[in-house]
Amino acid sequence: MEIDPSTNSAATPPVTPPPPDGLISTIFLKDDGLRAGWRLLVYGIFVEAFGFSTQILTYQLGSPERGVFSFRNQLLQELIGFVAVFAAALIMAQIEKRPVGIYGLPVQSAFKGLFWQGYLFGLTEISVVISLIAICGGYSFGSLALHGAEIVWWGISWAIFFLFVAFFEEFKFRGYSQFTLGEGIGFWPAAAVLSILFGLVHRQNAGENSLGLAGVMLVGFFWTFTLRRTGNLWFAVGMHAGFDFGETFLYSVPDSGMVGPGHLSNAALHGPAWLTGGTPGPEASVFDFAILVAFFFIFPRLYPARPARVAQQ
């Protein structure tokens, strides 16, 4: 006799009903897991824990130099910052069962075409800005401040330094945070929020002002735009590092109001703030704002949107 499977308890184990919806579930959970805001909070806790422990270890192994500006200390701070934000993302990737590369820095794309294209973009941007300021009489290169092996030493040192600056700041504001906040409120609202925060954290830089902060926010939004078009942060990292290297070392002018040692020349900016950027440096010049606006039109033509491309994969 044929047995009806619907009556066979061994063949059809009872289905456990889903847990009832409640206030706690609504606050903390959505269909596929923890809500974006809570994931960001957990990520932030990991970042602080890694940053604190790494700083303690660094000071135990060898006390960084202290002073108004210490190149070694600043380099360590940028390295510690990047280790903290990326290590925290590694843990979140395990928790969320995602590859860490989805947060913007896929290893298989490291230092390939997009990075060097971005680096060229950054060097081109600062070179055009400085050239326009010079044409208007606001910049002079001056005499060489370094000679011989010093040029090579400081050139390599600043290139490495700004690479870590770019890694840290790009991943902090446009890596895991952009991915997760974008899931919660949408890509472009998240880009706006994080670009504003990116500008505000630069307030602590000596010599920074409101125009300089506006410039930082605008370029932050542009770098998020490159993430959207290229699918990862490698272009943005390259452009960030290239611009800062050109501004600080090659053209020897203030970078976000900061002036460090090891400049190539005794350069000088002179003229109205709208031209030179004032104390923040050329990134607050009207020319840099104009170039960034132009980039928003140029970049999508060089990197057209592809329907099959997902922004953060």
C-alpha atoms as a PDB file:
ATOM      1  CA  MET A   1       0.000   0.000   0.000  1.00  0.00           C
ATOM      2  CA  GLU A   2       1.320   3.424  -0.933  1.00  0.00           C
ATOM      3  CA  ILE A   3       1.896   5.767   2.006  1.00  0.00           C
ATOM      4  CA  ASP A   4       0.945   9.391   1.683  1.00  0.00           C
ATOM      5  CA  PRO A   5       4.165  11.369   2.452  1.00  0.00           C
ATOM      6  CA  SER A   6       2.108  14.150   3.944  1.00  0.00           C
ATOM      7  CA  THR A   7       1.100  11.787   6.761  1.00  0.00           C
ATOM      8  CA  ASN A   8       4.612  10.406   7.340  1.00  0.00           C
ATOM      9  CA  SER A   9       6.109  12.288  10.282  1.00  0.00           C
ATOM     10  CA  ALA A  10       9.551  10.815   9.589  1.00  0.00           C
ATOM     11  CA  ALA A  11       9.561  12.194   6.032  1.00  0.00           C
ATOM     12  CA  THR A  12       8.289  15.637   6.937  1.00  0.00           C
ATOM     13  CA  PRO A  13       9.755  16.900  10.204  1.00  0.00           C
ATOM     14  CA  PRO A  14       7.742  19.624  11.879  1.00  0.00           C
ATOM     15  CA  VAL A  15       8.599  23.149  10.782  1.00  0.00           C
ATOM     16  CA  THR A  16       9.698  25.440  13.590  1.00  0.00           C
ATOM     17  CA  PRO A  17       7.683  28.631  13.403  1.00  0.00           C
ATOM     18  CA  PRO A  18       9.720  31.830  13.071  1.00  0.00           C
ATOM     19  CA  PRO A  19      10.264  33.778  16.268  1.00  0.00           C
ATOM     20  CA  PRO A  20       7.631  36.420  16.847  1.00  0.00           C
ATOM     21  CA  ASP A  21       8.492  39.965  15.909  1.00  0.00           C
ATOM     22  CA  GLY A  22       9.229  42.184  18.858  1.00  0.00           C
ATOM     23  CA  LEU A  23      10.560  45.609  19.692  1.00  0.00           C
ATOM     24  CA  ILE A  24      14.113  44.330  20.314  1.00  0.00           C
ATOM     25  CA  SER A  25      14.196  42.484  16.990  1.00  0.00           C
ATOM     26  CA  THR A  26      12.866  45.522  15.168  1.00  0.00           C
ATOM     27  CA  ILE A  27      15.523  47.777  16.701  1.00  0.00           C
ATOM     28  CA  PHE A  28      18.522  45.495  16.170  1.00  0.00           C
ATOM     29  CA  LEU A  29      17.714  43.190  13.254  1.00  0.00           C
ATOM     30  CA  LYS A  30      16.573  43.179   9.674  1.00  0.00           C
ATOM     31  CA  ASP A  31      15.915  40.268   7.308  1.00  0.00           C
ATOM     32  CA  ASP A  32      19.574  39.404   6.675  1.00  0.00           C
ATOM     33  CA  GLY A  33      21.060  40.202  10.092  1.00  0.00           C
ATOM     34  CA  LEU A  34      22.143  43.108  12.257  1.00  0.00           C
ATOM     35  CA  ARG A  35      21.128  46.564  11.098  1.00  0.00           C
ATOM     36  CA  ALA A  36      23.766  48.782   9.475  1.00  0.00           C
ATOM     37  CA  GLY A  37      23.952  51.279  12.331  1.00  0.00           C
ATOM     38  CA  TRP A  38      24.720  48.579  14.902  1.00  0.00           C
ATOM     39  CA  ARG A  39      27.310  46.997  12.621  1.00  0.00           C
ATOM     40  CA  LEU A  40      29.013  50.369  12.335  1.00  0.00           C
ATOM     41  CA  LEU A  41      29.010  50.665  16.105  1.00  0.00           C
ATOM     42  CA  VAL A  42      30.614  47.223  16.494  1.00  0.00           C
ATOM     43  CA  TYR A  43      33.154  48.145  13.828  1.00  0.00           C
ATOM     44  CA  GLY A  44      33.963  51.389  15.644  1.00  0.00           C
ATOM     45  CA  ILE A  45      34.566  49.508  18.890  1.00  0.00           C
ATOM     46  CA  PHE A  46      36.984  47.160  17.127  1.00  0.00           C
ATOM     47  CA  VAL A  47      38.770  50.130  15.526  1.00  0.00           C
ATOM     48  CA  GLU A  48      39.258  51.827  18.895  1.00  0.00           C
ATOM     49  CA  ALA A  49      40.443  48.593  20.508  1.00  0.00           C
ATOM     50  CA  PHE A  50      42.974  47.883  17.766  1.00  0.00           C
ATOM     51  CA  GLY A  51      44.150  51.493  17.668  1.00  0.00           C
ATOM     52  CA  PHE A  52      44.652  51.668  21.430  1.00  0.00           C
ATOM     53  CA  SER A  53      46.457  48.338  21.721  1.00  0.00           C
ATOM     54  CA  THR A  54      48.701  49.097  18.739  1.00  0.00           C
ATOM     55  CA  GLN A  55      49.643  52.489  20.160  1.00  0.00           C
ATOM     56  CA  ILE A  56      50.527  50.927  23.522  1.00  0.00           C
ATOM     57  CA  LEU A  57      52.706  48.325  21.787  1.00  0.00           C
ATOM     58  CA  THR A  58      54.400  51.002  19.667  1.00  0.00           C
ATOM     59  CA  TYR A  59      55.308  53.123  22.672  1.00  0.00           C
ATOM     60  CA  GLN A  60      56.589  50.056  24.530  1.00  0.00           C
ATOM     61  CA  LEU A  61      58.860  48.959  21.690  1.00  0.00           C
ATOM     62  CA  GLY A  62      60.285  52.398  20.989  1.00  0.00           C
ATOM     63  CA  SER A  63      59.083  55.826  22.052  1.00  0.00           C
ATOM     64  CA  PRO A  64      58.182  57.957  19.040  1.00  0.00           C
ATOM     65  CA  GLU A  65      59.801  61.343  18.777  1.00  0.00           C
ATOM     66  CA  ARG A  66      57.891  64.159  20.359  1.00  0.00           C
ATOM     67  CA  GLY A  67      57.600  67.731  19.190  1.00  0.00           C
ATOM     68  CA  VAL A  68      55.565  70.161  17.137  1.00  0.00           C
ATOM     69  CA  PHE A  69      56.006  67.909  14.116  1.00  0.00           C
ATOM     70  CA  SER A  70      57.783  64.581  14.163  1.00  0.00           C
ATOM     71  CA  PHE A  71      57.944  62.774  10.830  1.00  0.00           C
ATOM     72  CA  ARG A  72      58.464  59.430  12.544  1.00  0.00           C
ATOM     73  CA  ASN A  73      55.595  60.004  14.952  1.00  0.00           C
ATOM     74  CA  GLN A  74      53.222  61.042  12.168  1.00  0.00           C
ATOM     75  CA  LEU A  75      54.180  58.032  10.065  1.00  0.00           C
ATOM     76  CA  LEU A  76      53.520  55.715  12.989  1.00  0.00           C
ATOM     77  CA  GLN A  77      50.153  57.355  13.623  1.00  0.00           C
ATOM     78  CA  GLU A  78      49.069  56.839  10.003  1.00  0.00           C
ATOM     79  CA  LEU A  79      50.285  53.230  10.047  1.00  0.00           C
ATOM     80  CA  ILE A  80      48.507  52.533  13.344  1.00  0.00           C
ATOM     81  CA  GLY A  81      45.354  54.135  11.984  1.00  0.00           C
ATOM     82  CA  PHE A  82      45.306  51.991   8.875  1.00  0.00           C
ATOM     83  CA  VAL A  83      46.057  48.791  10.815  1.00  0.00           C
ATOM     84  CA  ALA A  84      43.152  49.583  13.151  1.00  0.00           C
ATOM     85  CA  VAL A  85      40.521  50.315  10.484  1.00  0.00           C
ATOM     86  CA  PHE A  86      41.549  47.405   8.256  1.00  0.00           C
ATOM     87  CA  ALA A  87      41.956  44.811  11.027  1.00  0.00           C
ATOM     88  CA  ALA A  88      38.505  45.735  12.318  1.00  0.00           C
ATOM     89  CA  ALA A  89      37.127  45.227   8.799  1.00  0.00           C
ATOM     90  CA  LEU A  90      38.754  41.788   8.646  1.00  0.00           C
ATOM     91  CA  ILE A  91      36.818  40.779  11.750  1.00  0.00           C
ATOM     92  CA  MET A  92      33.573  42.244  10.401  1.00  0.00           C
ATOM     93  CA  ALA A  93      34.099  40.371   7.144  1.00  0.00           C
ATOM     94  CA  GLN A  94      34.243  37.116   9.114  1.00  0.00           C
ATOM     95  CA  ILE A  95      31.159  38.027  11.120  1.00  0.00           C
ATOM     96  CA  GLU A  96      29.218  39.071   8.018  1.00  0.00           C
ATOM     97  CA  LYS A  97      30.595  36.163   5.922  1.00  0.00           C
ATOM     98  CA  ARG A  98      31.875  38.448   3.178  1.00  0.00           C
ATOM     99  CA  PRO A  99      35.298  38.771   1.490  1.00  0.00           C
ATOM    100  CA  VAL A 100      37.135  41.748   2.986  1.00  0.00           C
ATOM    101  CA  GLY A 101      37.831  43.052  -0.525  1.00  0.00           C
ATOM    102  CA  ILE A 102      34.164  43.988  -0.867  1.00  0.00           C
ATOM    103  CA  TYR A 103      34.855  46.927   1.462  1.00  0.00           C
ATOM    104  CA  GLY A 104      36.985  48.634  -1.173  1.00  0.00           C
ATOM    105  CA  LEU A 105      40.545  47.266  -1.195  1.00  0.00           C
ATOM    106  CA  PRO A 106      40.573  43.915  -3.032  1.00  0.00           C
ATOM    107  CA  VAL A 107      44.090  42.485  -2.794  1.00  0.00           C
ATOM    108  CA  GLN A 108      44.026  41.209  -6.376  1.00  0.00           C
ATOM    109  CA  SER A 109      43.836  44.829  -7.593  1.00  0.00           C
ATOM    110  CA  ALA A 110      46.634  46.136  -5.362  1.00  0.00           C
ATOM    111  CA  PHE A 111      48.983  48.640  -7.013  1.00  0.00           C
ATOM    112  CA  LYS A 112      47.756  47.828 -10.505  1.00  0.00           C
ATOM    113  CA  GLY A 113      46.354  50.093 -13.201  1.00  0.00           C
ATOM    114  CA  LEU A 114      43.749  51.972 -11.185  1.00  0.00           C
ATOM    115  CA  PHE A 115      46.237  52.930  -8.457  1.00  0.00           C
ATOM    116  CA  TRP A 116      48.752  54.399 -10.908  1.00  0.00           C
ATOM    117  CA  GLN A 117      46.047  56.112 -12.938  1.00  0.00           C
ATOM    118  CA  GLY A 118      44.839  57.704  -9.711  1.00  0.00           C
ATOM    119  CA  TYR A 119      48.380  58.720  -8.767  1.00  0.00           C
ATOM    120  CA  LEU A 120      48.769  60.420 -12.134  1.00  0.00           C
ATOM    121  CA  PHE A 121      45.415  62.177 -11.618  1.00  0.00           C
ATOM    122  CA  GLY A 122      46.573  63.491  -8.238  1.00  0.00           C
ATOM    123  CA  LEU A 123      49.922  64.735  -9.524  1.00  0.00           C
ATOM    124  CA  THR A 124      48.199  66.337 -12.512  1.00  0.00           C
ATOM    125  CA  GLU A 125      45.661  68.090 -10.297  1.00  0.00           C
ATOM    126  CA  ILE A 126      48.237  69.711  -7.999  1.00  0.00           C
ATOM    127  CA  SER A 127      50.559  70.511 -10.925  1.00  0.00           C
ATOM    128  CA  VAL A 128      47.808  72.351 -12.814  1.00  0.00           C
ATOM    129  CA  VAL A 129      46.741  74.214  -9.654  1.00  0.00           C
ATOM    130  CA  ILE A 130      50.313  75.317  -8.897  1.00  0.00           C
ATOM    131  CA  SER A 131      50.887  76.310 -12.537  1.00  0.00           C
ATOM    132  CA  LEU A 132      47.765  78.490 -12.591  1.00  0.00           C
ATOM    133  CA  ILE A 133      48.713  80.121  -9.285  1.00  0.00           C
ATOM    134  CA  ALA A 134      52.233  80.757 -10.632  1.00  0.00           C
ATOM    135  CA  ILE A 135      50.873  82.286 -13.858  1.00  0.00           C
ATOM    136  CA  CYS A 136      48.877  84.698 -11.703  1.00  0.00           C
ATOM    137  CA  GLY A 137      52.012  85.575  -9.725  1.00  0.00           C
ATOM    138  CA  GLY A 138      51.107  83.704  -6.540  1.00  0.00           C
ATOM    139  CA  TYR A 139      53.767  80.969  -6.442  1.00  0.00           C
ATOM    140  CA  SER A 140      57.534  80.897  -6.705  1.00  0.00           C
ATOM    141  CA  PHE A 141      59.577  77.681  -6.538  1.00  0.00           C
ATOM    142  CA  GLY A 142      62.546  79.300  -4.825  1.00  0.00           C
ATOM    143  CA  SER A 143      65.950  77.716  -4.318  1.00  0.00           C
ATOM    144  CA  LEU A 144      66.504  74.022  -3.655  1.00  0.00           C
ATOM    145  CA  ALA A 145      66.249  73.172   0.030  1.00  0.00           C
ATOM    146  CA  LEU A 146      67.632  69.645  -0.431  1.00  0.00           C
ATOM    147  CA  HIS A 147      70.630  68.345  -2.325  1.00  0.00           C
ATOM    148  CA  GLY A 148      72.011  65.010  -3.483  1.00  0.00           C
ATOM    149  CA  ALA A 149      71.014  61.999  -1.414  1.00  0.00           C
ATOM    150  CA  GLU A 150      68.691  64.165   0.707  1.00  0.00           C
ATOM    151  CA  ILE A 151      66.360  64.573  -2.277  1.00  0.00           C
ATOM    152  CA  VAL A 152      66.121  60.809  -2.745  1.00  0.00           C
ATOM    153  CA  TRP A 153      65.725  60.161   0.996  1.00  0.00           C
ATOM    154  CA  TRP A 154      62.971  62.686   1.547  1.00  0.00           C
ATOM    155  CA  GLY A 155      61.264  61.897  -1.748  1.00  0.00           C
ATOM    156  CA  ILE A 156      60.950  58.212  -0.827  1.00  0.00           C
ATOM    157  CA  SER A 157      60.032  59.052   2.782  1.00  0.00           C
ATOM    158  CA  TRP A 158      57.187  61.375   1.770  1.00  0.00           C
ATOM    159  CA  ALA A 159      55.941  58.943  -0.896  1.00  0.00           C
ATOM    160  CA  ILE A 160      55.671  56.178   1.731  1.00  0.00           C
ATOM    161  CA  PHE A 161      54.166  58.531   4.291  1.00  0.00           C
ATOM    162  CA  PHE A 162      51.390  59.740   2.000  1.00  0.00           C
ATOM    163  CA  LEU A 163      50.677  56.214   0.833  1.00  0.00           C
ATOM    164  CA  PHE A 164      49.778  55.327   4.425  1.00  0.00           C
ATOM    165  CA  VAL A 165      47.820  58.574   4.800  1.00  0.00           C
ATOM    166  CA  ALA A 166      45.797  57.622   1.727  1.00  0.00           C
ATOM    167  CA  PHE A 167      45.256  54.044   2.908  1.00  0.00           C
ATOM    168  CA  PHE A 168      44.126  55.171   6.346  1.00  0.00           C
ATOM    169  CA  GLU A 169      41.838  58.033   5.348  1.00  0.00           C
ATOM    170  CA  GLU A 170      40.335  56.359   2.286  1.00  0.00           C
ATOM    171  CA  PHE A 171      39.502  53.144   4.100  1.00  0.00           C
ATOM    172  CA  LYS A 172      38.307  54.945   7.210  1.00  0.00           C
ATOM    173  CA  PHE A 173      35.816  57.150   5.342  1.00  0.00           C
ATOM    174  CA  ARG A 174      35.168  55.248   2.112  1.00  0.00           C
ATOM    175  CA  GLY A 175      35.831  51.624   3.010  1.00  0.00           C
ATOM    176  CA  TYR A 176      33.808  49.644   5.531  1.00  0.00           C
ATOM    177  CA  SER A 177      31.976  52.763   6.728  1.00  0.00           C
ATOM    178  CA  GLN A 178      30.793  53.708   3.229  1.00  0.00           C
ATOM    179  CA  PHE A 179      29.783  50.130   2.419  1.00  0.00           C
ATOM    180  CA  THR A 180      27.777  49.640   5.613  1.00  0.00           C
ATOM    181  CA  LEU A 181      26.240  53.098   5.933  1.00  0.00           C
ATOM    182  CA  GLY A 182      25.376  52.919   2.235  1.00  0.00           C
ATOM    183  CA  GLU A 183      23.411  49.728   2.904  1.00  0.00           C
ATOM    184  CA  GLY A 184      21.522  51.539   5.648  1.00  0.00           C
ATOM    185  CA  ILE A 185      20.676  54.910   4.088  1.00  0.00           C
ATOM    186  CA  GLY A 186      21.760  54.624   0.461  1.00  0.00           C
ATOM    187  CA  PHE A 187      25.094  55.116  -1.307  1.00  0.00           C
ATOM    188  CA  TRP A 188      24.935  58.858  -2.017  1.00  0.00           C
ATOM    189  CA  PRO A 189      23.476  59.973   1.338  1.00  0.00           C
ATOM    190  CA  ALA A 190      26.248  57.943   2.997  1.00  0.00           C
ATOM    191  CA  ALA A 191      28.808  59.571   0.697  1.00  0.00           C
ATOM    192  CA  ALA A 192      27.568  63.029   1.702  1.00  0.00           C
ATOM    193  CA  VAL A 193      27.624  62.260   5.435  1.00  0.00           C
ATOM    194  CA  LEU A 194      31.096  60.706   5.374  1.00  0.00           C
ATOM    195  CA  SER A 195      32.551  63.438   3.136  1.00  0.00           C
ATOM    196  CA  ILE A 196      31.366  66.051   5.637  1.00  0.00           C
ATOM    197  CA  LEU A 197      32.937  64.072   8.477  1.00  0.00           C
ATOM    198  CA  PHE A 198      36.109  63.712   6.405  1.00  0.00           C
ATOM    199  CA  GLY A 199      36.323  67.488   6.180  1.00  0.00           C
ATOM    200  CA  LEU A 200      35.523  68.095   9.825  1.00  0.00           C
ATOM    201  CA  VAL A 201      38.314  65.858  11.136  1.00  0.00           C
ATOM    202  CA  HIS A 202      40.785  68.159   9.364  1.00  0.00           C
ATOM    203  CA  ARG A 203      39.781  71.049  11.651  1.00  0.00           C
ATOM    204  CA  GLN A 204      42.519  70.019  14.063  1.00  0.00           C
ATOM    205  CA  ASN A 205      45.213  70.777  11.476  1.00  0.00           C
ATOM    206  CA  ALA A 206      47.079  73.989  12.215  1.00  0.00           C
ATOM    207  CA  GLY A 207      46.326  76.635   9.602  1.00  0.00           C
ATOM    208  CA  GLU A 208      43.130  74.987   8.336  1.00  0.00           C
ATOM    209  CA  ASN A 209      40.089  77.198   7.738  1.00  0.00           C
ATOM    210  CA  SER A 210      36.519  76.933   6.474  1.00  0.00           C
ATOM    211  CA  LEU A 211      37.473  77.212   2.801  1.00  0.00           C
ATOM    212  CA  GLY A 212      40.085  74.515   3.228  1.00  0.00           C
ATOM    213  CA  LEU A 213      37.548  72.255   4.952  1.00  0.00           C
ATOM    214  CA  ALA A 214      35.114  72.791   2.088  1.00  0.00           C
ATOM    215  CA  GLY A 215      37.843  71.719  -0.333  1.00  0.00           C
ATOM    216  CA  VAL A 216      38.513  68.564   1.698  1.00  0.00           C
ATOM    217  CA  MET A 217      34.797  67.718   1.708  1.00  0.00           C
ATOM    218  CA  LEU A 218      34.540  68.233  -2.045  1.00  0.00           C
ATOM    219  CA  VAL A 219      37.527  66.044  -2.872  1.00  0.00           C
ATOM    220  CA  GLY A 220      36.230  63.435  -0.420  1.00  0.00           C
ATOM    221  CA  PHE A 221      32.957  63.327  -2.321  1.00  0.00           C
ATOM    222  CA  PHE A 222      34.862  63.041  -5.592  1.00  0.00           C
ATOM    223  CA  TRP A 223      36.872  60.111  -4.259  1.00  0.00           C
ATOM    224  CA  THR A 224      33.602  58.414  -3.310  1.00  0.00           C
ATOM    225  CA  PHE A 225      32.456  59.033  -6.887  1.00  0.00           C
ATOM    226  CA  THR A 226      35.571  57.213  -8.141  1.00  0.00           C
ATOM    227  CA  LEU A 227      34.672  54.313  -5.848  1.00  0.00           C
ATOM    228  CA  ARG A 228      31.233  54.191  -7.434  1.00  0.00           C
ATOM    229  CA  ARG A 229      32.639  54.159 -10.972  1.00  0.00           C
ATOM    230  CA  THR A 230      35.687  51.912 -10.571  1.00  0.00           C
ATOM    231  CA  GLY A 231      34.239  49.507  -8.014  1.00  0.00           C
ATOM    232  CA  ASN A 232      37.044  49.883  -5.456  1.00  0.00           C
ATOM    233  CA  LEU A 233      39.267  52.392  -3.663  1.00  0.00           C
ATOM    234  CA  TRP A 234      42.532  51.855  -5.536  1.00  0.00           C
ATOM    235  CA  PHE A 235      42.067  54.870  -7.813  1.00  0.00           C
ATOM    236  CA  ALA A 236      41.162  57.064  -4.839  1.00  0.00           C
ATOM    237  CA  VAL A 237      44.160  55.831  -2.816  1.00  0.00           C
ATOM    238  CA  GLY A 238      46.505  56.602  -5.697  1.00  0.00           C
ATOM    239  CA  MET A 239      45.034  60.040  -6.356  1.00  0.00           C
ATOM    240  CA  HIS A 240      45.080  60.946  -2.650  1.00  0.00           C
ATOM    241  CA  ALA A 241      48.727  59.882  -2.267  1.00  0.00           C
ATOM    242  CA  GLY A 242      49.812  61.558  -5.505  1.00  0.00           C
ATOM    243  CA  PHE A 243      48.182  64.908  -4.721  1.00  0.00           C
ATOM    244  CA  ASP A 244      49.602  65.081  -1.185  1.00  0.00           C
ATOM    245  CA  PHE A 245      53.085  64.063  -2.357  1.00  0.00           C
ATOM    246  CA  GLY A 246      53.098  66.732  -5.039  1.00  0.00           C
ATOM    247  CA  GLU A 247      51.759  69.406  -2.698  1.00  0.00           C
ATOM    248  CA  THR A 248      54.123  68.708   0.204  1.00  0.00           C
ATOM    249  CA  PHE A 249      57.344  67.537  -1.450  1.00  0.00           C
ATOM    250  CA  LEU A 250      57.495  68.509  -5.123  1.00  0.00           C
ATOM    251  CA  TYR A 251      55.963  71.978  -4.799  1.00  0.00           C
ATOM    252  CA  SER A 252      56.815  72.479  -1.101  1.00  0.00           C
ATOM    253  CA  VAL A 253      53.615  74.233  -0.030  1.00  0.00           C
ATOM    254  CA  PRO A 254      51.245  73.721   2.945  1.00  0.00           C
ATOM    255  CA  ASP A 255      49.030  70.634   2.892  1.00  0.00           C
ATOM    256  CA  SER A 256      45.767  71.154   4.813  1.00  0.00           C
ATOM    257  CA  GLY A 257      47.561  73.854   6.778  1.00  0.00           C
ATOM    258  CA  MET A 258      50.457  71.587   7.750  1.00  0.00           C
ATOM    259  CA  VAL A 259      54.091  72.238   6.871  1.00  0.00           C
ATOM    260  CA  GLY A 260      56.576  69.460   7.509  1.00  0.00           C
ATOM    261  CA  PRO A 261      60.325  69.002   7.067  1.00  0.00           C
ATOM    262  CA  GLY A 262      62.106  67.747   3.956  1.00  0.00           C
ATOM    263  CA  HIS A 263      60.646  70.036   1.301  1.00  0.00           C
ATOM    264  CA  LEU A 264      62.308  70.003  -2.088  1.00  0.00           C
ATOM    265  CA  SER A 265      62.545  73.788  -2.350  1.00  0.00           C
ATOM    266  CA  ASN A 266      62.124  77.028  -0.455  1.00  0.00           C
ATOM    267  CA  ALA A 267      58.858  77.719  -2.252  1.00  0.00           C
ATOM    268  CA  ALA A 268      56.609  80.643  -1.377  1.00  0.00           C
ATOM    269  CA  LEU A 269      52.955  81.514  -1.868  1.00  0.00           C
ATOM    270  CA  HIS A 270      52.065  85.187  -2.095  1.00  0.00           C
ATOM    271  CA  GLY A 271      48.846  86.914  -2.973  1.00  0.00           C
ATOM    272  CA  PRO A 272      45.192  86.797  -1.960  1.00  0.00           C
ATOM    273  CA  ALA A 273      43.806  83.687  -0.281  1.00  0.00           C
ATOM    274  CA  TRP A 274      41.348  83.017  -3.104  1.00  0.00           C
ATOM    275  CA  LEU A 275      44.362  82.571  -5.393  1.00  0.00           C
ATOM    276  CA  THR A 276      46.884  80.733  -3.201  1.00  0.00           C
ATOM    277  CA  GLY A 277      44.493  79.019  -0.817  1.00  0.00           C
ATOM    278  CA  GLY A 278      45.862  80.957   2.150  1.00  0.00           C
ATOM    279  CA  THR A 279      47.073  79.038   5.205  1.00  0.00           C
ATOM    280  CA  PRO A 280      45.513  75.659   4.212  1.00  0.00           C
ATOM    281  CA  GLY A 281      47.516  75.676   0.975  1.00  0.00           C
ATOM    282  CA  PRO A 282      46.616  75.356  -2.730  1.00  0.00           C
ATOM    283  CA  GLU A 283      43.867  72.808  -2.050  1.00  0.00           C
ATOM    284  CA  ALA A 284      41.785  75.801  -0.888  1.00  0.00           C
ATOM    285  CA  SER A 285      42.582  77.829  -4.025  1.00  0.00           C
ATOM    286  CA  VAL A 286      39.710  78.725  -6.326  1.00  0.00           C
ATOM    287  CA  PHE A 287      41.612  76.885  -9.049  1.00  0.00           C
ATOM    288  CA  ASP A 288      41.490  73.589  -7.169  1.00  0.00           C
ATOM    289  CA  PHE A 289      37.737  73.917  -6.682  1.00  0.00           C
ATOM    290  CA  ALA A 290      37.345  74.563 -10.417  1.00  0.00           C
ATOM    291  CA  ILE A 291      39.490  71.557 -11.328  1.00  0.00           C
ATOM    292  CA  LEU A 292      37.569  69.256  -8.995  1.00  0.00           C
ATOM    293  CA  VAL A 293      34.280  70.364 -10.522  1.00  0.00           C
ATOM    294  CA  ALA A 294      35.763  69.671 -13.960  1.00  0.00           C
ATOM    295  CA  PHE A 295      36.837  66.213 -12.770  1.00  0.00           C
ATOM    296  CA  PHE A 296      33.207  65.350 -12.032  1.00  0.00           C
ATOM    297  CA  PHE A 297      32.546  65.796 -15.771  1.00  0.00           C
ATOM    298  CA  ILE A 298      35.812  64.330 -17.057  1.00  0.00           C
ATOM    299  CA  PHE A 299      35.986  61.226 -14.882  1.00  0.00           C
ATOM    300  CA  PRO A 300      32.694  59.589 -15.951  1.00  0.00           C
ATOM    301  CA  ARG A 301      33.794  59.902 -19.580  1.00  0.00           C
ATOM    302  CA  LEU A 302      37.068  58.151 -18.834  1.00  0.00           C
ATOM    303  CA  TYR A 303      35.362  55.580 -16.604  1.00  0.00           C
ATOM    304  CA  PRO A 304      31.804  55.079 -17.914  1.00  0.00           C
ATOM    305  CA  ALA A 305      29.250  53.327 -15.755  1.00  0.00           C
ATOM    306  CA  ARG A 306      28.912  49.616 -16.411  1.00  0.00           C
ATOM    307  CA  PRO A 307      25.557  47.957 -15.666  1.00  0.00           C
ATOM    308  CA  ALA A 308      27.217  44.771 -14.474  1.00  0.00           C
ATOM    309  CA  ARG A 309      29.521  46.562 -12.043  1.00  0.00           C
ATOM    310  CA  VAL A 310      28.513  46.693  -8.387  1.00  0.00           C
ATOM    311  CA  ALA A 311      29.863  49.795  -6.670  1.00  0.00           C
ATOM    312  CA  GLN A 312      31.718  48.196  -3.772  1.00  0.00           C
ATOM    313  CA  GLN A 313      32.756  44.812  -5.112  1.00  0.00           C
END
